Amino acid sequence: LVRVVPHLAPETLRQLIQYRGLDACGELVTSATPAQLTSLLDLDLW
């Protein structure tokens, strides 16, 4: 998963987080690139 995450679209990452729950996705979140995380937060926080 750690090697797969940087190649996923932010929308897919958000789906994964919504499916598993944010509190269970720490490793997934910290494996994302800064650009992915910025886009992911834009999707999730607004």
All heavy atoms as atom14 arrays in JSON, in Angstrom:
{
  "sequence": "LVRVVPHLAPETLRQLIQYRGLDACGELVTSATPAQLTSLLDLDLW",
  "atom14_mask": [
    [1, 1, 1, 1, 1, 1, 1, 1, 0, 0, 0, 0, 0, 0],
    [1, 1, 1, 1, 1, 1, 1, 0, 0, 0, 0, 0, 0, 0],
    [1, 1, 1, 1, 1, 1, 1, 1, 1, 1, 1, 0, 0, 0],
    [1, 1, 1, 1, 1, 1, 1, 0, 0, 0, 0, 0, 0, 0],
    [1, 1, 1, 1, 1, 1, 1, 0, 0, 0, 0, 0, 0, 0],
    [1, 1, 1, 1, 1, 1, 1, 0, 0, 0, 0, 0, 0, 0],
    [1, 1, 1, 1, 1, 1, 1, 1, 1, 1, 0, 0, 0, 0],
    [1, 1, 1, 1, 1, 1, 1, 1, 0, 0, 0, 0, 0, 0],
    [1, 1, 1, 1, 1, 0, 0, 0, 0, 0, 0, 0, 0, 0],
    [1, 1, 1, 1, 1, 1, 1, 0, 0, 0, 0, 0, 0, 0],
    [1, 1, 1, 1, 1, 1, 1, 1, 1, 0, 0, 0, 0, 0],
    [1, 1, 1, 1, 1, 1, 1, 0, 0, 0, 0, 0, 0, 0],
    [1, 1, 1, 1, 1, 1, 1, 1, 0, 0, 0, 0, 0, 0],
    [1, 1, 1, 1, 1, 1, 1, 1, 1, 1, 1, 0, 0, 0],
    [1, 1, 1, 1, 1, 1, 1, 1, 1, 0, 0, 0, 0, 0],
    [1, 1, 1, 1, 1, 1, 1, 1, 0, 0, 0, 0, 0, 0],
    [1, 1, 1, 1, 1, 1, 1, 1, 0, 0, 0, 0, 0, 0],
    [1, 1, 1, 1, 1, 1, 1, 1, 1, 0, 0, 0, 0, 0],
    [1, 1, 1, 1, 1, 1, 1, 1, 1, 1, 1, 1, 0, 0],
    [1, 1, 1, 1, 1, 1, 1, 1, 1, 1, 1, 0, 0, 0],
    [1, 1, 1, 1, 0, 0, 0, 0, 0, 0, 0, 0, 0, 0],
    [1, 1, 1, 1, 1, 1, 1, 1, 0, 0, 0, 0, 0, 0],
    [1, 1, 1, 1, 1, 1, 1, 1, 0, 0, 0, 0, 0, 0],
    [1, 1, 1, 1, 1, 0, 0, 0, 0, 0, 0, 0, 0, 0],
    [1, 1, 1, 1, 1, 1, 0, 0, 0, 0, 0, 0, 0, 0],
    [1, 1, 1, 1, 0, 0, 0, 0, 0, 0, 0, 0, 0, 0],
    [1, 1, 1, 1, 1, 1, 1, 1, 1, 0, 0, 0, 0, 0],
    [1, 1, 1, 1, 1, 1, 1, 1, 0, 0, 0, 0, 0, 0],
    [1, 1, 1, 1, 1, 1, 1, 0, 0, 0, 0, 0, 0, 0],
    [1, 1, 1, 1, 1, 1, 1, 0, 0, 0, 0, 0, 0, 0],
    [1, 1, 1, 1, 1, 1, 0, 0, 0, 0, 0, 0, 0, 0],
    [1, 1, 1, 1, 1, 0, 0, 0, 0, 0, 0, 0, 0, 0],
    [1, 1, 1, 1, 1, 1, 1, 0, 0, 0, 0, 0, 0, 0],
    [1, 1, 1, 1, 1, 1, 1, 0, 0, 0, 0, 0, 0, 0],
    [1, 1, 1, 1, 1, 0, 0, 0, 0, 0, 0, 0, 0, 0],
    [1, 1, 1, 1, 1, 1, 1, 1, 1, 0, 0, 0, 0, 0],
    [1, 1, 1, 1, 1, 1, 1, 1, 0, 0, 0, 0, 0, 0],
    [1, 1, 1, 1, 1, 1, 1, 0, 0, 0, 0, 0, 0, 0],
    [1, 1, 1, 1, 1, 1, 0, 0, 0, 0, 0, 0, 0, 0],
    [1, 1, 1, 1, 1, 1, 1, 1, 0, 0, 0, 0, 0, 0],
    [1, 1, 1, 1, 1, 1, 1, 1, 0, 0, 0, 0, 0, 0],
    [1, 1, 1, 1, 1, 1, 1, 1, 0, 0, 0, 0, 0, 0],
    [1, 1, 1, 1, 1, 1, 1, 1, 0, 0, 0, 0, 0, 0],
    [1, 1, 1, 1, 1, 1, 1, 1, 0, 0, 0, 0, 0, 0],
    [1, 1, 1, 1, 1, 1, 1, 1, 0, 0, 0, 0, 0, 0],
    [1, 1, 1, 1, 1, 1, 1, 1, 1, 1, 1, 1, 1, 1]
  ],
  "atom14_positions": [
    [[0.81, -1.21, 0.0], [0.0, 0.0, 0.0], [0.85, 1.27, 0.0], [0.56, 2.23, -0.71], [-0.93, 0.01, 1.22], [-1.88, 1.2, 1.32], [-2.82, 1.23, 0.13], [-2.68, 1.14, 2.63], [0.0, 0.0, 0.0], [0.0, 0.0, 0.0], [0.0, 0.0, 0.0], [0.0, 0.0, 0.0], [0.0, 0.0, 0.0], [0.0, 0.0, 0.0]],
    [[1.93, 1.27, 0.77], [2.78, 2.47, 0.87], [3.34, 2.84, -0.49], [3.49, 4.02, -0.82], [3.91, 2.24, 1.88], [4.91, 3.4, 1.86], [3.35, 2.08, 3.29], [0.0, 0.0, 0.0], [0.0, 0.0, 0.0], [0.0, 0.0, 0.0], [0.0, 0.0, 0.0], [0.0, 0.0, 0.0], [0.0, 0.0, 0.0], [0.0, 0.0, 0.0]],
    [[3.66, 1.84, -1.32], [4.21, 2.11, -2.65], [3.12, 2.43, -3.66], [3.36, 3.11, -4.66], [5.02, 0.9, -3.12], [6.31, 0.8, -2.36], [7.12, -0.45, -2.58], [6.89, -1.24, -3.75], [7.27, -2.51, -3.84], [7.88, -3.11, -2.81], [7.07, -3.2, -4.94], [0.0, 0.0, 0.0], [0.0, 0.0, 0.0], [0.0, 0.0, 0.0]],
    [[1.89, 1.97, -3.39], [0.79, 2.2, -4.31], [0.21, 3.6, -4.14], [-0.14, 4.27, -5.13], [-0.32, 1.14, -4.1], [-1.57, 1.5, -4.9], [0.19, -0.24, -4.49], [0.0, 0.0, 0.0], [0.0, 0.0, 0.0], [0.0, 0.0, 0.0], [0.0, 0.0, 0.0], [0.0, 0.0, 0.0], [0.0, 0.0, 0.0], [0.0, 0.0, 0.0]],
    [[0.12, 4.08, -2.9], [-0.56, 5.33, -2.59], [-0.1, 6.51, -3.44], [-0.93, 7.27, -3.96], [-0.44, 5.67, -1.09], [-0.84, 7.11, -0.81], [-1.31, 4.71, -0.28], [0.0, 0.0, 0.0], [0.0, 0.0, 0.0], [0.0, 0.0, 0.0], [0.0, 0.0, 0.0], [0.0, 0.0, 0.0], [0.0, 0.0, 0.0], [0.0, 0.0, 0.0]],
    [[1.21, 6.74, -3.62], [1.64, 7.91, -4.39], [1.16, 7.94, -5.84], [1.25, 8.98, -6.51], [3.18, 7.83, -4.34], [3.46, 7.06, -3.09], [2.36, 6.04, -3.03], [0.0, 0.0, 0.0], [0.0, 0.0, 0.0], [0.0, 0.0, 0.0], [0.0, 0.0, 0.0], [0.0, 0.0, 0.0], [0.0, 0.0, 0.0], [0.0, 0.0, 0.0]],
    [[0.65, 6.8, -6.33], [0.19, 6.74, -7.72], [-1.33, 6.84, -7.84], [-1.87, 6.75, -8.94], [0.66, 5.43, -8.36], [2.15, 5.24, -8.32], [3.01, 5.93, -9.15], [2.93, 4.47, -7.51], [4.26, 5.58, -8.88], [4.24, 4.71, -7.89], [0.0, 0.0, 0.0], [0.0, 0.0, 0.0], [0.0, 0.0, 0.0], [0.0, 0.0, 0.0]],
    [[-2.02, 7.04, -6.71], [-3.48, 7.1, -6.73], [-3.97, 8.53, -6.86], [-3.33, 9.47, -6.39], [-4.05, 6.48, -5.45], [-3.72, 5.01, -5.19], [-4.28, 4.57, -3.83], [-4.27, 4.13, -6.3], [0.0, 0.0, 0.0], [0.0, 0.0, 0.0], [0.0, 0.0, 0.0], [0.0, 0.0, 0.0], [0.0, 0.0, 0.0], [0.0, 0.0, 0.0]],
    [[-5.13, 8.68, -7.48], [-5.75, 10.0, -7.59], [-6.28, 10.42, -6.22], [-6.69, 9.56, -5.42], [-6.9, 9.96, -8.59], [0.0, 0.0, 0.0], [0.0, 0.0, 0.0], [0.0, 0.0, 0.0], [0.0, 0.0, 0.0], [0.0, 0.0, 0.0], [0.0, 0.0, 0.0], [0.0, 0.0, 0.0], [0.0, 0.0, 0.0], [0.0, 0.0, 0.0]],
    [[-6.27, 11.71, -5.91], [-6.8, 12.18, -4.62], [-8.24, 11.71, -4.38], [-8.62, 11.41, -3.25], [-6.72, 13.7, -4.74], [-5.61, 13.95, -5.7], [-5.69, 12.82, -6.69], [0.0, 0.0, 0.0], [0.0, 0.0, 0.0], [0.0, 0.0, 0.0], [0.0, 0.0, 0.0], [0.0, 0.0, 0.0], [0.0, 0.0, 0.0], [0.0, 0.0, 0.0]],
    [[-9.04, 11.65, -5.45], [-10.42, 11.2, -5.3], [-10.47, 9.76, -4.82], [-11.33, 9.38, -4.02], [-11.17, 11.34, -6.64], [-11.39, 12.77, -7.1], [-10.16, 13.4, -7.74], [-9.15, 12.67, -7.96], [-10.2, 14.61, -8.02], [0.0, 0.0, 0.0], [0.0, 0.0, 0.0], [0.0, 0.0, 0.0], [0.0, 0.0, 0.0], [0.0, 0.0, 0.0]],
    [[-9.54, 8.92, -5.31], [-9.48, 7.53, -4.88], [-9.05, 7.45, -3.42], [-9.59, 6.66, -2.64], [-8.51, 6.73, -5.75], [-8.92, 6.82, -7.11], [-8.45, 5.27, -5.32], [0.0, 0.0, 0.0], [0.0, 0.0, 0.0], [0.0, 0.0, 0.0], [0.0, 0.0, 0.0], [0.0, 0.0, 0.0], [0.0, 0.0, 0.0], [0.0, 0.0, 0.0]],
    [[-8.07, 8.27, -3.04], [-7.63, 8.3, -1.64], [-8.78, 8.68, -0.73], [-8.94, 8.11, 0.36], [-6.47, 9.28, -1.47], [-5.14, 8.89, -2.14], [-4.12, 10.0, -1.97], [-4.62, 7.59, -1.54], [0.0, 0.0, 0.0], [0.0, 0.0, 0.0], [0.0, 0.0, 0.0], [0.0, 0.0, 0.0], [0.0, 0.0, 0.0], [0.0, 0.0, 0.0]],
    [[-9.57, 9.64, -1.17], [-10.7, 10.05, -0.33], [-11.71, 8.91, -0.2], [-12.28, 8.7, 0.88], [-11.37, 11.29, -0.93], [-12.4, 11.88, 0.02], [-13.16, 13.03, -0.59], [-14.05, 13.63, 0.39], [-15.13, 14.31, 0.08], [-15.47, 14.47, -1.19], [-15.9, 14.83, 1.01], [0.0, 0.0, 0.0], [0.0, 0.0, 0.0], [0.0, 0.0, 0.0]],
    [[-11.94, 8.18, -1.29], [-12.84, 7.03, -1.21], [-12.32, 5.99, -0.21], [-13.09, 5.43, 0.56], [-12.98, 6.37, -2.59], [-13.97, 7.06, -3.51], [-14.21, 6.23, -4.76], [-13.26, 5.95, -5.52], [-15.44, 5.83, -4.99], [0.0, 0.0, 0.0], [0.0, 0.0, 0.0], [0.0, 0.0, 0.0], [0.0, 0.0, 0.0], [0.0, 0.0, 0.0]],
    [[-11.02, 5.76, -0.25], [-10.42, 4.8, 0.68], [-10.62, 5.24, 2.13], [-10.95, 4.44, 3.0], [-8.93, 4.64, 0.38], [-8.56, 3.96, -0.93], [-7.05, 4.06, -1.18], [-8.98, 2.5, -0.91], [0.0, 0.0, 0.0], [0.0, 0.0, 0.0], [0.0, 0.0, 0.0], [0.0, 0.0, 0.0], [0.0, 0.0, 0.0], [0.0, 0.0, 0.0]],
    [[-10.41, 6.54, 2.38], [-10.55, 7.07, 3.74], [-12.01, 7.0, 4.19], [-12.3, 6.64, 5.34], [-10.02, 8.52, 3.8], [-8.49, 8.5, 3.66], [-10.44, 9.21, 5.09], [-7.89, 9.87, 3.48], [0.0, 0.0, 0.0], [0.0, 0.0, 0.0], [0.0, 0.0, 0.0], [0.0, 0.0, 0.0], [0.0, 0.0, 0.0], [0.0, 0.0, 0.0]],
    [[-12.93, 7.32, 3.3], [-14.34, 7.25, 3.65], [-14.77, 5.81, 3.91], [-15.61, 5.54, 4.77], [-15.19, 7.86, 2.53], [-15.07, 9.37, 2.43], [-15.86, 9.96, 1.28], [-15.99, 9.33, 0.22], [-16.4, 11.15, 1.47], [0.0, 0.0, 0.0], [0.0, 0.0, 0.0], [0.0, 0.0, 0.0], [0.0, 0.0, 0.0], [0.0, 0.0, 0.0]],
    [[-14.17, 4.87, 3.18], [-14.51, 3.46, 3.34], [-13.98, 2.9, 4.65], [-14.71, 2.24, 5.4], [-13.94, 2.65, 2.16], [-14.13, 1.16, 2.3], [-15.37, 0.58, 2.05], [-13.07, 0.34, 2.68], [-15.55, -0.8, 2.18], [-13.24, -1.04, 2.81], [-14.49, -1.59, 2.56], [-14.66, -2.94, 2.69], [0.0, 0.0, 0.0], [0.0, 0.0, 0.0]],
    [[-12.73, 3.19, 4.97], [-12.09, 2.61, 6.16], [-12.27, 3.49, 7.39], [-12.29, 3.0, 8.51], [-10.6, 2.37, 5.88], [-9.81, 1.77, 7.03], [-10.23, 0.37, 7.39], [-10.09, -0.59, 6.32], [-8.99, -1.29, 6.07], [-7.89, -1.09, 6.78], [-8.98, -2.17, 5.1], [0.0, 0.0, 0.0], [0.0, 0.0, 0.0], [0.0, 0.0, 0.0]],
    [[-12.4, 4.79, 7.19], [-12.46, 5.72, 8.32], [-11.1, 6.4, 8.5], [-10.06, 5.74, 8.45], [0.0, 0.0, 0.0], [0.0, 0.0, 0.0], [0.0, 0.0, 0.0], [0.0, 0.0, 0.0], [0.0, 0.0, 0.0], [0.0, 0.0, 0.0], [0.0, 0.0, 0.0], [0.0, 0.0, 0.0], [0.0, 0.0, 0.0], [0.0, 0.0, 0.0]],
    [[-11.11, 7.71, 8.69], [-9.87, 8.47, 8.77], [-8.96, 7.97, 9.88], [-7.74, 7.87, 9.72], [-10.18, 9.96, 8.98], [-8.98, 10.9, 9.09], [-8.1, 10.83, 7.84], [-9.45, 12.33, 9.33], [0.0, 0.0, 0.0], [0.0, 0.0, 0.0], [0.0, 0.0, 0.0], [0.0, 0.0, 0.0], [0.0, 0.0, 0.0], [0.0, 0.0, 0.0]],
    [[-9.54, 7.6, 11.02], [-8.72, 7.18, 12.16], [-7.97, 5.89, 11.9], [-7.02, 5.56, 12.63], [-9.57, 7.05, 13.42], [-10.74, 6.07, 13.25], [-11.05, 5.71, 12.1], [-11.33, 5.67, 14.27], [0.0, 0.0, 0.0], [0.0, 0.0, 0.0], [0.0, 0.0, 0.0], [0.0, 0.0, 0.0], [0.0, 0.0, 0.0], [0.0, 0.0, 0.0]],
    [[-8.35, 5.15, 10.87], [-7.66, 3.9, 10.54], [-6.76, 4.04, 9.32], [-6.23, 3.05, 8.82], [-8.69, 2.79, 10.27], [0.0, 0.0, 0.0], [0.0, 0.0, 0.0], [0.0, 0.0, 0.0], [0.0, 0.0, 0.0], [0.0, 0.0, 0.0], [0.0, 0.0, 0.0], [0.0, 0.0, 0.0], [0.0, 0.0, 0.0], [0.0, 0.0, 0.0]],
    [[-6.55, 5.28, 8.86], [-5.81, 5.49, 7.61], [-4.55, 6.33, 7.8], [-4.13, 7.02, 6.86], [-6.72, 6.15, 6.57], [-8.03, 5.06, 5.97], [0.0, 0.0, 0.0], [0.0, 0.0, 0.0], [0.0, 0.0, 0.0], [0.0, 0.0, 0.0], [0.0, 0.0, 0.0], [0.0, 0.0, 0.0], [0.0, 0.0, 0.0], [0.0, 0.0, 0.0]],
    [[-3.96, 6.29, 8.97], [-2.76, 7.07, 9.23], [-1.63, 6.75, 8.27], [-0.99, 7.65, 7.71], [0.0, 0.0, 0.0], [0.0, 0.0, 0.0], [0.0, 0.0, 0.0], [0.0, 0.0, 0.0], [0.0, 0.0, 0.0], [0.0, 0.0, 0.0], [0.0, 0.0, 0.0], [0.0, 0.0, 0.0], [0.0, 0.0, 0.0], [0.0, 0.0, 0.0]],
    [[-1.39, 5.46, 8.06], [-0.29, 5.06, 7.17], [-0.57, 5.5, 5.74], [0.34, 5.95, 5.02], [-0.09, 3.55, 7.22], [1.08, 3.06, 6.38], [1.25, 1.55, 6.4], [0.3, 0.86, 6.84], [2.32, 1.07, 5.99], [0.0, 0.0, 0.0], [0.0, 0.0, 0.0], [0.0, 0.0, 0.0], [0.0, 0.0, 0.0], [0.0, 0.0, 0.0]],
    [[-1.81, 5.38, 5.33], [-2.19, 5.8, 3.98], [-1.94, 7.3, 3.8], [-1.35, 7.72, 2.8], [-3.66, 5.46, 3.73], [-4.26, 5.75, 2.36], [-5.42, 4.78, 2.09], [-4.79, 7.17, 2.27], [0.0, 0.0, 0.0], [0.0, 0.0, 0.0], [0.0, 0.0, 0.0], [0.0, 0.0, 0.0], [0.0, 0.0, 0.0], [0.0, 0.0, 0.0]],
    [[-2.37, 8.09, 4.77], [-2.23, 9.55, 4.68], [-0.78, 9.96, 4.63], [-0.38, 10.81, 3.81], [-2.95, 10.22, 5.87], [-2.59, 11.7, 5.95], [-4.46, 10.03, 5.76], [0.0, 0.0, 0.0], [0.0, 0.0, 0.0], [0.0, 0.0, 0.0], [0.0, 0.0, 0.0], [0.0, 0.0, 0.0], [0.0, 0.0, 0.0], [0.0, 0.0, 0.0]],
    [[0.05, 9.38, 5.48], [1.46, 9.78, 5.53], [2.26, 9.23, 4.35], [3.4, 9.63, 4.15], [2.11, 9.33, 6.85], [1.93, 7.91, 7.02], [1.48, 10.06, 8.03], [0.0, 0.0, 0.0], [0.0, 0.0, 0.0], [0.0, 0.0, 0.0], [0.0, 0.0, 0.0], [0.0, 0.0, 0.0], [0.0, 0.0, 0.0], [0.0, 0.0, 0.0]],
    [[1.66, 8.32, 3.59], [2.33, 7.8, 2.39], [2.03, 8.65, 1.16], [2.68, 8.49, 0.12], [1.89, 6.35, 2.12], [2.21, 5.51, 3.2], [0.0, 0.0, 0.0], [0.0, 0.0, 0.0], [0.0, 0.0, 0.0], [0.0, 0.0, 0.0], [0.0, 0.0, 0.0], [0.0, 0.0, 0.0], [0.0, 0.0, 0.0], [0.0, 0.0, 0.0]],
    [[1.06, 9.54, 1.28], [0.68, 10.38, 0.14], [1.73, 11.46, -0.09], [2.42, 11.89, 0.83], [-0.68, 11.03, 0.4], [0.0, 0.0, 0.0], [0.0, 0.0, 0.0], [0.0, 0.0, 0.0], [0.0, 0.0, 0.0], [0.0, 0.0, 0.0], [0.0, 0.0, 0.0], [0.0, 0.0, 0.0], [0.0, 0.0, 0.0], [0.0, 0.0, 0.0]],
    [[1.85, 11.9, -1.32], [2.76, 12.98, -1.65], [2.16, 14.3, -1.17], [0.95, 14.39, -0.95], [3.01, 13.06, -3.16], [1.77, 13.46, -3.8], [3.47, 11.72, -3.72], [0.0, 0.0, 0.0], [0.0, 0.0, 0.0], [0.0, 0.0, 0.0], [0.0, 0.0, 0.0], [0.0, 0.0, 0.0], [0.0, 0.0, 0.0], [0.0, 0.0, 0.0]],
    [[2.98, 15.35, -1.01], [2.43, 16.66, -0.6], [1.32, 17.14, -1.54], [0.31, 17.68, -1.09], [3.65, 17.57, -0.64], [4.8, 16.67, -0.35], [4.45, 15.37, -1.04], [0.0, 0.0, 0.0], [0.0, 0.0, 0.0], [0.0, 0.0, 0.0], [0.0, 0.0, 0.0], [0.0, 0.0, 0.0], [0.0, 0.0, 0.0], [0.0, 0.0, 0.0]],
    [[1.51, 16.94, -2.86], [0.49, 17.39, -3.81], [-0.81, 16.6, -3.63], [-1.91, 17.18, -3.67], [1.01, 17.23, -5.24], [0.0, 0.0, 0.0], [0.0, 0.0, 0.0], [0.0, 0.0, 0.0], [0.0, 0.0, 0.0], [0.0, 0.0, 0.0], [0.0, 0.0, 0.0], [0.0, 0.0, 0.0], [0.0, 0.0, 0.0], [0.0, 0.0, 0.0]],
    [[-0.68, 15.3, -3.43], [-1.87, 14.47, -3.19], [-2.59, 14.92, -1.92], [-3.81, 15.05, -1.9], [-1.47, 13.0, -3.04], [-1.18, 12.26, -4.32], [-0.75, 10.84, -4.04], [0.13, 10.61, -3.2], [-1.37, 9.89, -4.69], [0.0, 0.0, 0.0], [0.0, 0.0, 0.0], [0.0, 0.0, 0.0], [0.0, 0.0, 0.0], [0.0, 0.0, 0.0]],
    [[-1.81, 15.13, -0.87], [-2.4, 15.48, 0.42], [-3.1, 16.84, 0.37], [-4.18, 17.01, 0.93], [-1.32, 15.47, 1.5], [-1.8, 15.5, 2.96], [-2.79, 14.38, 3.22], [-0.62, 15.41, 3.91], [0.0, 0.0, 0.0], [0.0, 0.0, 0.0], [0.0, 0.0, 0.0], [0.0, 0.0, 0.0], [0.0, 0.0, 0.0], [0.0, 0.0, 0.0]],
    [[-2.51, 17.77, -0.34], [-3.13, 19.08, -0.49], [-4.47, 18.96, -1.21], [-5.48, 19.54, -0.79], [-2.2, 20.04, -1.26], [-1.0, 20.24, -0.51], [-2.87, 21.39, -1.49], [0.0, 0.0, 0.0], [0.0, 0.0, 0.0], [0.0, 0.0, 0.0], [0.0, 0.0, 0.0], [0.0, 0.0, 0.0], [0.0, 0.0, 0.0], [0.0, 0.0, 0.0]],
    [[-4.49, 18.19, -2.3], [-5.74, 17.99, -3.04], [-6.75, 17.22, -2.2], [-7.95, 17.52, -2.22], [-5.46, 17.23, -4.34], [-4.63, 17.98, -5.2], [0.0, 0.0, 0.0], [0.0, 0.0, 0.0], [0.0, 0.0, 0.0], [0.0, 0.0, 0.0], [0.0, 0.0, 0.0], [0.0, 0.0, 0.0], [0.0, 0.0, 0.0], [0.0, 0.0, 0.0]],
    [[-6.26, 16.24, -1.45], [-7.14, 15.44, -0.6], [-7.79, 16.3, 0.48], [-8.99, 16.19, 0.75], [-6.33, 14.31, 0.03], [-7.06, 13.36, 0.98], [-8.26, 12.72, 0.3], [-6.1, 12.29, 1.49], [0.0, 0.0, 0.0], [0.0, 0.0, 0.0], [0.0, 0.0, 0.0], [0.0, 0.0, 0.0], [0.0, 0.0, 0.0], [0.0, 0.0, 0.0]],
    [[-7.0, 17.18, 1.09], [-7.55, 18.07, 2.11], [-8.55, 19.06, 1.51], [-9.55, 19.39, 2.13], [-6.42, 18.81, 2.82], [-5.54, 17.96, 3.74], [-4.34, 18.75, 4.22], [-6.34, 17.43, 4.92], [0.0, 0.0, 0.0], [0.0, 0.0, 0.0], [0.0, 0.0, 0.0], [0.0, 0.0, 0.0], [0.0, 0.0, 0.0], [0.0, 0.0, 0.0]],
    [[-8.28, 19.51, 0.3], [-9.23, 20.39, -0.38], [-10.57, 19.68, -0.57], [-11.64, 20.28, -0.41], [-8.69, 20.83, -1.75], [-7.66, 21.94, -1.63], [-7.63, 22.62, -0.59], [-6.89, 22.13, -2.59], [0.0, 0.0, 0.0], [0.0, 0.0, 0.0], [0.0, 0.0, 0.0], [0.0, 0.0, 0.0], [0.0, 0.0, 0.0], [0.0, 0.0, 0.0]],
    [[-10.51, 18.4, -0.91], [-11.73, 17.63, -1.11], [-12.45, 17.35, 0.21], [-13.68, 17.35, 0.28], [-11.41, 16.3, -1.79], [-10.94, 16.34, -3.24], [-10.42, 14.98, -3.66], [-12.08, 16.78, -4.15], [0.0, 0.0, 0.0], [0.0, 0.0, 0.0], [0.0, 0.0, 0.0], [0.0, 0.0, 0.0], [0.0, 0.0, 0.0], [0.0, 0.0, 0.0]],
    [[-11.67, 17.11, 1.26], [-12.24, 16.61, 2.51], [-12.62, 17.7, 3.51], [-13.47, 17.47, 4.36], [-11.26, 15.63, 3.16], [-11.94, 14.7, 4.15], [-12.88, 14.0, 3.74], [-11.54, 14.7, 5.33], [0.0, 0.0, 0.0], [0.0, 0.0, 0.0], [0.0, 0.0, 0.0], [0.0, 0.0, 0.0], [0.0, 0.0, 0.0], [0.0, 0.0, 0.0]],
    [[-11.98, 18.85, 3.43], [-12.18, 19.88, 4.46], [-13.17, 20.96, 4.07], [-13.61, 21.74, 4.93], [-10.85, 20.54, 4.82], [-9.81, 19.66, 5.51], [-8.54, 20.44, 5.78], [-10.36, 19.1, 6.82], [0.0, 0.0, 0.0], [0.0, 0.0, 0.0], [0.0, 0.0, 0.0], [0.0, 0.0, 0.0], [0.0, 0.0, 0.0], [0.0, 0.0, 0.0]],
    [[-13.51, 21.04, 2.8], [-14.44, 22.09, 2.36], [-15.77, 21.45, 2.01], [-15.85, 20.56, 1.17], [-13.87, 22.86, 1.18], [-12.63, 23.6, 1.54], [-11.34, 23.17, 1.43], [-12.56, 24.91, 2.11], [-10.48, 24.13, 1.9], [-11.19, 25.21, 2.32], [-13.52, 25.87, 2.47], [-10.76, 26.42, 2.87], [-13.1, 27.07, 3.02], [-11.74, 27.33, 3.2]]
  ]
}
